[in-house]
Amino acid sequence: MEGVGWISAIIIGGLAGWLAGKLMEARYGILLNIVLGIVGSVVATAVLAQFHIAVAGGRLGYFVTGFIGACLLIFLARLVRR
């Protein structure tokens, strides 16, 4: 994630969070989608690092990890809500 700047992180994280929200049929606003994408990317990168799996750098890697992490966070939020 070192190669992605703050503005790129917000845009890519927002897209990843929006796409994850559409896939998981979550009804969150755009601001929460951005947060889910950015936080999801950090969470997914940390989880993958625990299993010694390197994430490809750059914008595509940030998008994929953000999407996976946002899906994971939406899933966990649904478990907590029940």
PDB file of N, CA and C in Angstrom:
ATOM      1  N   MET A   1       0.803  -1.188   0.000  1.00  0.00           N
ATOM      2  CA  MET A   1       0.000   0.000   0.000  1.00  0.00           C
ATOM      3  C   MET A   1       0.852   1.259   0.000  1.00  0.00           C
ATOM      4  N   GLU A   2       2.150   1.115  -0.014  1.00  0.00           N
ATOM      5  CA  GLU A   2       3.004   2.288   0.035  1.00  0.00           C
ATOM      6  C   GLU A   2       2.913   3.118  -1.229  1.00  0.00           C
ATOM      7  N   GLY A   3       2.584   2.517  -2.370  1.00  0.00           N
ATOM      8  CA  GLY A   3       2.549   3.228  -3.629  1.00  0.00           C
ATOM      9  C   GLY A   3       1.248   3.951  -3.897  1.00  0.00           C
ATOM     10  N   VAL A   4       0.284   3.864  -3.009  1.00  0.00           N
ATOM     11  CA  VAL A   4      -1.015   4.491  -3.203  1.00  0.00           C
ATOM     12  C   VAL A   4      -1.103   5.699  -2.277  1.00  0.00           C
ATOM     13  N   GLY A   5      -1.389   6.880  -2.861  1.00  0.00           N
ATOM     14  CA  GLY A   5      -1.523   8.097  -2.057  1.00  0.00           C
ATOM     15  C   GLY A   5      -2.886   8.172  -1.383  1.00  0.00           C
ATOM     16  N   TRP A   6      -3.062   9.217  -0.564  1.00  0.00           N
ATOM     17  CA  TRP A   6      -4.302   9.366   0.202  1.00  0.00           C
ATOM     18  C   TRP A   6      -5.512   9.543  -0.699  1.00  0.00           C
ATOM     19  N   ILE A   7      -5.397  10.376  -1.716  1.00  0.00           N
ATOM     20  CA  ILE A   7      -6.537  10.616  -2.608  1.00  0.00           C
ATOM     21  C   ILE A   7      -6.869   9.350  -3.386  1.00  0.00           C
ATOM     22  N   SER A   8      -5.849   8.662  -3.872  1.00  0.00           N
ATOM     23  CA  SER A   8      -6.080   7.395  -4.564  1.00  0.00           C
ATOM     24  C   SER A   8      -6.686   6.364  -3.626  1.00  0.00           C
ATOM     25  N   ALA A   9      -6.244   6.342  -2.379  1.00  0.00           N
ATOM     26  CA  ALA A   9      -6.781   5.393  -1.407  1.00  0.00           C
ATOM     27  C   ALA A   9      -8.261   5.647  -1.159  1.00  0.00           C
ATOM     28  N   ILE A  10      -8.656   6.916  -1.100  1.00  0.00           N
ATOM     29  CA  ILE A  10     -10.061   7.242  -0.890  1.00  0.00           C
ATOM     30  C   ILE A  10     -10.898   6.838  -2.095  1.00  0.00           C
ATOM     31  N   ILE A  11     -10.410   7.137  -3.282  1.00  0.00           N
ATOM     32  CA  ILE A  11     -11.167   6.798  -4.499  1.00  0.00           C
ATOM     33  C   ILE A  11     -11.249   5.291  -4.687  1.00  0.00           C
ATOM     34  N   ILE A  12     -10.115   4.607  -4.599  1.00  0.00           N
ATOM     35  CA  ILE A  12     -10.092   3.159  -4.793  1.00  0.00           C
ATOM     36  C   ILE A  12     -10.842   2.457  -3.667  1.00  0.00           C
ATOM     37  N   GLY A  13     -10.655   2.926  -2.436  1.00  0.00           N
ATOM     38  CA  GLY A  13     -11.388   2.352  -1.305  1.00  0.00           C
ATOM     39  C   GLY A  13     -12.883   2.547  -1.443  1.00  0.00           C
ATOM     40  N   GLY A  14     -13.288   3.706  -1.943  1.00  0.00           N
ATOM     41  CA  GLY A  14     -14.709   3.958  -2.177  1.00  0.00           C
ATOM     42  C   GLY A  14     -15.293   3.039  -3.225  1.00  0.00           C
ATOM     43  N   LEU A  15     -14.554   2.837  -4.300  1.00  0.00           N
ATOM     44  CA  LEU A  15     -15.019   1.913  -5.347  1.00  0.00           C
ATOM     45  C   LEU A  15     -15.085   0.479  -4.831  1.00  0.00           C
ATOM     46  N   ALA A  16     -14.066   0.079  -4.091  1.00  0.00           N
ATOM     47  CA  ALA A  16     -14.060  -1.282  -3.542  1.00  0.00           C
ATOM     48  C   ALA A  16     -15.196  -1.469  -2.542  1.00  0.00           C
ATOM     49  N   GLY A  17     -15.419  -0.486  -1.688  1.00  0.00           N
ATOM     50  CA  GLY A  17     -16.507  -0.567  -0.721  1.00  0.00           C
ATOM     51  C   GLY A  17     -17.872  -0.550  -1.385  1.00  0.00           C
ATOM     52  N   TRP A  18     -18.022   0.278  -2.427  1.00  0.00           N
ATOM     53  CA  TRP A  18     -19.288   0.338  -3.161  1.00  0.00           C
ATOM     54  C   TRP A  18     -19.582  -1.000  -3.831  1.00  0.00           C
ATOM     55  N   LEU A  19     -18.572  -1.568  -4.482  1.00  0.00           N
ATOM     56  CA  LEU A  19     -18.750  -2.855  -5.158  1.00  0.00           C
ATOM     57  C   LEU A  19     -19.049  -3.962  -4.152  1.00  0.00           C
ATOM     58  N   ALA A  20     -18.372  -3.953  -3.024  1.00  0.00           N
ATOM     59  CA  ALA A  20     -18.643  -4.953  -1.982  1.00  0.00           C
ATOM     60  C   ALA A  20     -20.057  -4.784  -1.437  1.00  0.00           C
ATOM     61  N   GLY A  21     -20.502  -3.538  -1.282  1.00  0.00           N
ATOM     62  CA  GLY A  21     -21.865  -3.280  -0.820  1.00  0.00           C
ATOM     63  C   GLY A  21     -22.898  -3.792  -1.799  1.00  0.00           C
ATOM     64  N   LYS A  22     -22.627  -3.640  -3.092  1.00  0.00           N
ATOM     65  CA  LYS A  22     -23.545  -4.152  -4.114  1.00  0.00           C
ATOM     66  C   LYS A  22     -23.564  -5.680  -4.113  1.00  0.00           C
ATOM     67  N   LEU A  23     -22.391  -6.295  -4.001  1.00  0.00           N
ATOM     68  CA  LEU A  23     -22.312  -7.750  -4.009  1.00  0.00           C
ATOM     69  C   LEU A  23     -22.977  -8.350  -2.770  1.00  0.00           C
ATOM     70  N   MET A  24     -22.751  -7.728  -1.627  1.00  0.00           N
ATOM     71  CA  MET A  24     -23.278  -8.253  -0.367  1.00  0.00           C
ATOM     72  C   MET A  24     -24.680  -7.712  -0.061  1.00  0.00           C
ATOM     73  N   GLU A  25     -25.212  -6.890  -0.946  1.00  0.00           N
ATOM     74  CA  GLU A  25     -26.529  -6.266  -0.799  1.00  0.00           C
ATOM     75  C   GLU A  25     -26.650  -5.508   0.518  1.00  0.00           C
ATOM     76  N   ALA A  26     -25.629  -4.745   0.830  1.00  0.00           N
ATOM     77  CA  ALA A  26     -25.631  -3.907   2.033  1.00  0.00           C
ATOM     78  C   ALA A  26     -26.196  -2.541   1.669  1.00  0.00           C
ATOM     79  N   ARG A  27     -26.924  -1.948   2.559  1.00  0.00           N
ATOM     80  CA  ARG A  27     -27.541  -0.647   2.308  1.00  0.00           C
ATOM     81  C   ARG A  27     -26.864   0.417   3.171  1.00  0.00           C
ATOM     82  N   TYR A  28     -25.634   0.733   2.800  1.00  0.00           N
ATOM     83  CA  TYR A  28     -24.874   1.753   3.508  1.00  0.00           C
ATOM     84  C   TYR A  28     -24.685   2.938   2.580  1.00  0.00           C
ATOM     85  N   GLY A  29     -24.388   4.093   3.131  1.00  0.00           N
ATOM     86  CA  GLY A  29     -24.143   5.284   2.338  1.00  0.00           C
ATOM     87  C   GLY A  29     -22.751   5.275   1.729  1.00  0.00           C
ATOM     88  N   ILE A  30     -22.490   6.258   0.870  1.00  0.00           N
ATOM     89  CA  ILE A  30     -21.212   6.327   0.169  1.00  0.00           C
ATOM     90  C   ILE A  30     -20.053   6.563   1.145  1.00  0.00           C
ATOM     91  N   LEU A  31     -20.287   7.338   2.192  1.00  0.00           N
ATOM     92  CA  LEU A  31     -19.228   7.599   3.154  1.00  0.00           C
ATOM     93  C   LEU A  31     -18.820   6.320   3.883  1.00  0.00           C
ATOM     94  N   LEU A  32     -19.790   5.537   4.293  1.00  0.00           N
ATOM     95  CA  LEU A  32     -19.474   4.272   4.959  1.00  0.00           C
ATOM     96  C   LEU A  32     -18.837   3.286   3.980  1.00  0.00           C
ATOM     97  N   ASN A  33     -19.231   3.345   2.703  1.00  0.00           N
ATOM     98  CA  ASN A  33     -18.588   2.497   1.699  1.00  0.00           C
ATOM     99  C   ASN A  33     -17.103   2.836   1.564  1.00  0.00           C
ATOM    100  N   ILE A  34     -16.782   4.125   1.578  1.00  0.00           N
ATOM    101  CA  ILE A  34     -15.378   4.532   1.496  1.00  0.00           C
ATOM    102  C   ILE A  34     -14.615   4.011   2.711  1.00  0.00           C
ATOM    103  N   VAL A  35     -15.202   4.182   3.879  1.00  0.00           N
ATOM    104  CA  VAL A  35     -14.552   3.713   5.108  1.00  0.00           C
ATOM    105  C   VAL A  35     -14.384   2.195   5.082  1.00  0.00           C
ATOM    106  N   LEU A  36     -15.432   1.482   4.652  1.00  0.00           N
ATOM    107  CA  LEU A  36     -15.338   0.018   4.562  1.00  0.00           C
ATOM    108  C   LEU A  36     -14.245  -0.411   3.595  1.00  0.00           C
ATOM    109  N   GLY A  37     -14.125   0.273   2.472  1.00  0.00           N
ATOM    110  CA  GLY A  37     -13.091  -0.072   1.504  1.00  0.00           C
ATOM    111  C   GLY A  37     -11.692   0.157   2.028  1.00  0.00           C
ATOM    112  N   ILE A  38     -11.468   1.308   2.672  1.00  0.00           N
ATOM    113  CA  ILE A  38     -10.136   1.633   3.187  1.00  0.00           C
ATOM    114  C   ILE A  38      -9.781   0.745   4.374  1.00  0.00           C
ATOM    115  N   VAL A  39     -10.688   0.654   5.332  1.00  0.00           N
ATOM    116  CA  VAL A  39     -10.428  -0.183   6.514  1.00  0.00           C
ATOM    117  C   VAL A  39     -10.357  -1.650   6.101  1.00  0.00           C
ATOM    118  N   GLY A  40     -11.203  -2.041   5.160  1.00  0.00           N
ATOM    119  CA  GLY A  40     -11.181  -3.413   4.670  1.00  0.00           C
ATOM    120  C   GLY A  40      -9.860  -3.776   4.035  1.00  0.00           C
ATOM    121  N   SER A  41      -9.269  -2.834   3.329  1.00  0.00           N
ATOM    122  CA  SER A  41      -7.968  -3.086   2.721  1.00  0.00           C
ATOM    123  C   SER A  41      -6.895  -3.285   3.783  1.00  0.00           C
ATOM    124  N   VAL A  42      -6.938  -2.473   4.818  1.00  0.00           N
ATOM    125  CA  VAL A  42      -5.963  -2.614   5.908  1.00  0.00           C
ATOM    126  C   VAL A  42      -6.160  -3.948   6.623  1.00  0.00           C
ATOM    127  N   VAL A  43      -7.419  -4.304   6.898  1.00  0.00           N
ATOM    128  CA  VAL A  43      -7.715  -5.563   7.590  1.00  0.00           C
ATOM    129  C   VAL A  43      -7.288  -6.755   6.736  1.00  0.00           C
ATOM    130  N   ALA A  44      -7.649  -6.738   5.458  1.00  0.00           N
ATOM    131  CA  ALA A  44      -7.304  -7.864   4.581  1.00  0.00           C
ATOM    132  C   ALA A  44      -5.791  -8.001   4.428  1.00  0.00           C
ATOM    133  N   THR A  45      -5.090  -6.881   4.328  1.00  0.00           N
ATOM    134  CA  THR A  45      -3.630  -6.936   4.224  1.00  0.00           C
ATOM    135  C   THR A  45      -3.021  -7.526   5.495  1.00  0.00           C
ATOM    136  N   ALA A  46      -3.551  -7.149   6.656  1.00  0.00           N
ATOM    137  CA  ALA A  46      -3.045  -7.684   7.924  1.00  0.00           C
ATOM    138  C   ALA A  46      -3.331  -9.177   8.044  1.00  0.00           C
ATOM    139  N   VAL A  47      -4.523  -9.592   7.641  1.00  0.00           N
ATOM    140  CA  VAL A  47      -4.875 -11.017   7.710  1.00  0.00           C
ATOM    141  C   VAL A  47      -3.995 -11.828   6.766  1.00  0.00           C
ATOM    142  N   LEU A  48      -3.812 -11.332   5.548  1.00  0.00           N
ATOM    143  CA  LEU A  48      -2.961 -12.043   4.598  1.00  0.00           C
ATOM    144  C   LEU A  48      -1.506 -12.086   5.061  1.00  0.00           C
ATOM    145  N   ALA A  49      -1.050 -11.039   5.733  1.00  0.00           N
ATOM    146  CA  ALA A  49       0.326 -11.022   6.240  1.00  0.00           C
ATOM    147  C   ALA A  49       0.524 -12.068   7.328  1.00  0.00           C
ATOM    148  N   GLN A  50      -0.516 -12.356   8.097  1.00  0.00           N
ATOM    149  CA  GLN A  50      -0.416 -13.383   9.130  1.00  0.00           C
ATOM    150  C   GLN A  50      -0.193 -14.770   8.531  1.00  0.00           C
ATOM    151  N   PHE A  51      -0.693 -14.968   7.309  1.00  0.00           N
ATOM    152  CA  PHE A  51      -0.511 -16.243   6.620  1.00  0.00           C
ATOM    153  C   PHE A  51       0.668 -16.196   5.650  1.00  0.00           C
ATOM    154  N   HIS A  52       1.477 -15.143   5.758  1.00  0.00           N
ATOM    155  CA  HIS A  52       2.669 -14.965   4.933  1.00  0.00           C
ATOM    156  C   HIS A  52       2.331 -14.933   3.441  1.00  0.00           C
ATOM    157  N   ILE A  53       1.218 -14.274   3.106  1.00  0.00           N
ATOM    158  CA  ILE A  53       0.814 -14.101   1.719  1.00  0.00           C
ATOM    159  C   ILE A  53       1.064 -12.651   1.347  1.00  0.00           C
ATOM    160  N   ALA A  54       1.917 -12.434   0.348  1.00  0.00           N
ATOM    161  CA  ALA A  54       2.236 -11.079  -0.079  1.00  0.00           C
ATOM    162  C   ALA A  54       1.160 -10.584  -1.044  1.00  0.00           C
ATOM    163  N   VAL A  55       0.762  -9.333  -0.870  1.00  0.00           N
ATOM    164  CA  VAL A  55      -0.232  -8.715  -1.734  1.00  0.00           C
ATOM    165  C   VAL A  55       0.499  -7.914  -2.793  1.00  0.00           C
ATOM    166  N   ALA A  56       0.081  -8.086  -4.040  1.00  0.00           N
ATOM    167  CA  ALA A  56       0.691  -7.323  -5.129  1.00  0.00           C
ATOM    168  C   ALA A  56       0.456  -5.843  -4.883  1.00  0.00           C
ATOM    169  N   GLY A  57       1.469  -5.046  -5.090  1.00  0.00           N
ATOM    170  CA  GLY A  57       1.374  -3.622  -4.813  1.00  0.00           C
ATOM    171  C   GLY A  57       0.595  -2.869  -5.873  1.00  0.00           C
ATOM    172  N   GLY A  58       0.422  -1.617  -5.624  1.00  0.00           N
ATOM    173  CA  GLY A  58      -0.231  -0.747  -6.577  1.00  0.00           C
ATOM    174  C   GLY A  58      -1.731  -0.646  -6.383  1.00  0.00           C
ATOM    175  N   ARG A  59      -2.345   0.017  -7.322  1.00  0.00           N
ATOM    176  CA  ARG A  59      -3.771   0.303  -7.217  1.00  0.00           C
ATOM    177  C   ARG A  59      -4.641  -0.939  -7.333  1.00  0.00           C
ATOM    178  N   LEU A  60      -4.285  -1.865  -8.199  1.00  0.00           N
ATOM    179  CA  LEU A  60      -5.083  -3.078  -8.363  1.00  0.00           C
ATOM    180  C   LEU A  60      -5.034  -3.940  -7.104  1.00  0.00           C
ATOM    181  N   GLY A  61      -3.863  -4.088  -6.519  1.00  0.00           N
ATOM    182  CA  GLY A  61      -3.738  -4.837  -5.273  1.00  0.00           C
ATOM    183  C   GLY A  61      -4.512  -4.190  -4.150  1.00  0.00           C
ATOM    184  N   TYR A  62      -4.477  -2.852  -4.085  1.00  0.00           N
ATOM    185  CA  TYR A  62      -5.226  -2.135  -3.064  1.00  0.00           C
ATOM    186  C   TYR A  62      -6.725  -2.322  -3.270  1.00  0.00           C
ATOM    187  N   PHE A  63      -7.162  -2.313  -4.532  1.00  0.00           N
ATOM    188  CA  PHE A  63      -8.581  -2.506  -4.838  1.00  0.00           C
ATOM    189  C   PHE A  63      -9.045  -3.908  -4.440  1.00  0.00           C
ATOM    190  N   VAL A  64      -8.272  -4.915  -4.798  1.00  0.00           N
ATOM    191  CA  VAL A  64      -8.654  -6.301  -4.492  1.00  0.00           C
ATOM    192  C   VAL A  64      -8.686  -6.542  -2.991  1.00  0.00           C
ATOM    193  N   THR A  65      -7.668  -6.088  -2.286  1.00  0.00           N
ATOM    194  CA  THR A  65      -7.675  -6.281  -0.838  1.00  0.00           C
ATOM    195  C   THR A  65      -8.770  -5.447  -0.171  1.00  0.00           C
ATOM    196  N   GLY A  66      -9.046  -4.265  -0.702  1.00  0.00           N
ATOM    197  CA  GLY A  66     -10.138  -3.446  -0.172  1.00  0.00           C
ATOM    198  C   GLY A  66     -11.487  -4.106  -0.375  1.00  0.00           C
ATOM    199  N   PHE A  67     -11.671  -4.715  -1.536  1.00  0.00           N
ATOM    200  CA  PHE A  67     -12.922  -5.412  -1.832  1.00  0.00           C
ATOM    201  C   PHE A  67     -13.109  -6.616  -0.914  1.00  0.00           C
ATOM    202  N   ILE A  68     -12.080  -7.420  -0.781  1.00  0.00           N
ATOM    203  CA  ILE A  68     -12.148  -8.603   0.086  1.00  0.00           C
ATOM    204  C   ILE A  68     -12.366  -8.188   1.539  1.00  0.00           C
ATOM    205  N   GLY A  69     -11.612  -7.195   1.982  1.00  0.00           N
ATOM    206  CA  GLY A  69     -11.752  -6.730   3.357  1.00  0.00           C
ATOM    207  C   GLY A  69     -13.107  -6.101   3.636  1.00  0.00           C
ATOM    208  N   ALA A  70     -13.640  -5.336   2.676  1.00  0.00           N
ATOM    209  CA  ALA A  70     -14.963  -4.727   2.856  1.00  0.00           C
ATOM    210  C   ALA A  70     -16.042  -5.804   2.925  1.00  0.00           C
ATOM    211  N   CYS A  71     -15.924  -6.831   2.092  1.00  0.00           N
ATOM    212  CA  CYS A  71     -16.881  -7.948   2.159  1.00  0.00           C
ATOM    213  C   CYS A  71     -16.805  -8.626   3.523  1.00  0.00           C
ATOM    214  N   LEU A  72     -15.594  -8.808   4.026  1.00  0.00           N
ATOM    215  CA  LEU A  72     -15.407  -9.416   5.340  1.00  0.00           C
ATOM    216  C   LEU A  72     -16.021  -8.544   6.442  1.00  0.00           C
ATOM    217  N   LEU A  73     -15.823  -7.239   6.368  1.00  0.00           N
ATOM    218  CA  LEU A  73     -16.382  -6.340   7.374  1.00  0.00           C
ATOM    219  C   LEU A  73     -17.905  -6.288   7.307  1.00  0.00           C
ATOM    220  N   ILE A  74     -18.479  -6.321   6.116  1.00  0.00           N
ATOM    221  CA  ILE A  74     -19.939  -6.347   5.977  1.00  0.00           C
ATOM    222  C   ILE A  74     -20.483  -7.637   6.575  1.00  0.00           C
ATOM    223  N   PHE A  75     -19.811  -8.743   6.315  1.00  0.00           N
ATOM    224  CA  PHE A  75     -20.226 -10.029   6.863  1.00  0.00           C
ATOM    225  C   PHE A  75     -20.189 -10.001   8.389  1.00  0.00           C
ATOM    226  N   LEU A  76     -19.111  -9.472   8.959  1.00  0.00           N
ATOM    227  CA  LEU A  76     -18.992  -9.387  10.411  1.00  0.00           C
ATOM    228  C   LEU A  76     -20.036  -8.446  11.003  1.00  0.00           C
ATOM    229  N   ALA A  77     -20.320  -7.344  10.320  1.00  0.00           N
ATOM    230  CA  ALA A  77     -21.347  -6.416  10.808  1.00  0.00           C
ATOM    231  C   ALA A  77     -22.718  -7.075  10.834  1.00  0.00           C
ATOM    232  N   ARG A  78     -22.991  -7.906   9.862  1.00  0.00           N
ATOM    233  CA  ARG A  78     -24.270  -8.622   9.847  1.00  0.00           C
ATOM    234  C   ARG A  78     -24.352  -9.638  10.981  1.00  0.00           C
ATOM    235  N   LEU A  79     -23.231 -10.271  11.310  1.00  0.00           N
ATOM    236  CA  LEU A  79     -23.227 -11.220  12.426  1.00  0.00           C
ATOM    237  C   LEU A  79     -23.487 -10.512  13.747  1.00  0.00           C
ATOM    238  N   VAL A  80     -22.915  -9.342  13.910  1.00  0.00           N
ATOM    239  CA  VAL A  80     -23.074  -8.589  15.150  1.00  0.00           C
ATOM    240  C   VAL A  80     -24.504  -8.072  15.281  1.00  0.00           C
ATOM    241  N   ARG A  81     -25.113  -7.662  14.186  1.00  0.00           N
ATOM    242  CA  ARG A  81     -26.460  -7.111  14.211  1.00  0.00           C
ATOM    243  C   ARG A  81     -27.500  -8.148  14.610  1.00  0.00           C
ATOM    244  N   ARG A  82     -27.259  -9.404  14.324  1.00  0.00           N
ATOM    245  CA  ARG A  82     -28.254 -10.444  14.613  1.00  0.00           C
ATOM    246  C   ARG A  82     -28.371 -10.715  16.041  1.00  0.00           C
TER     247      ARG A  82
END
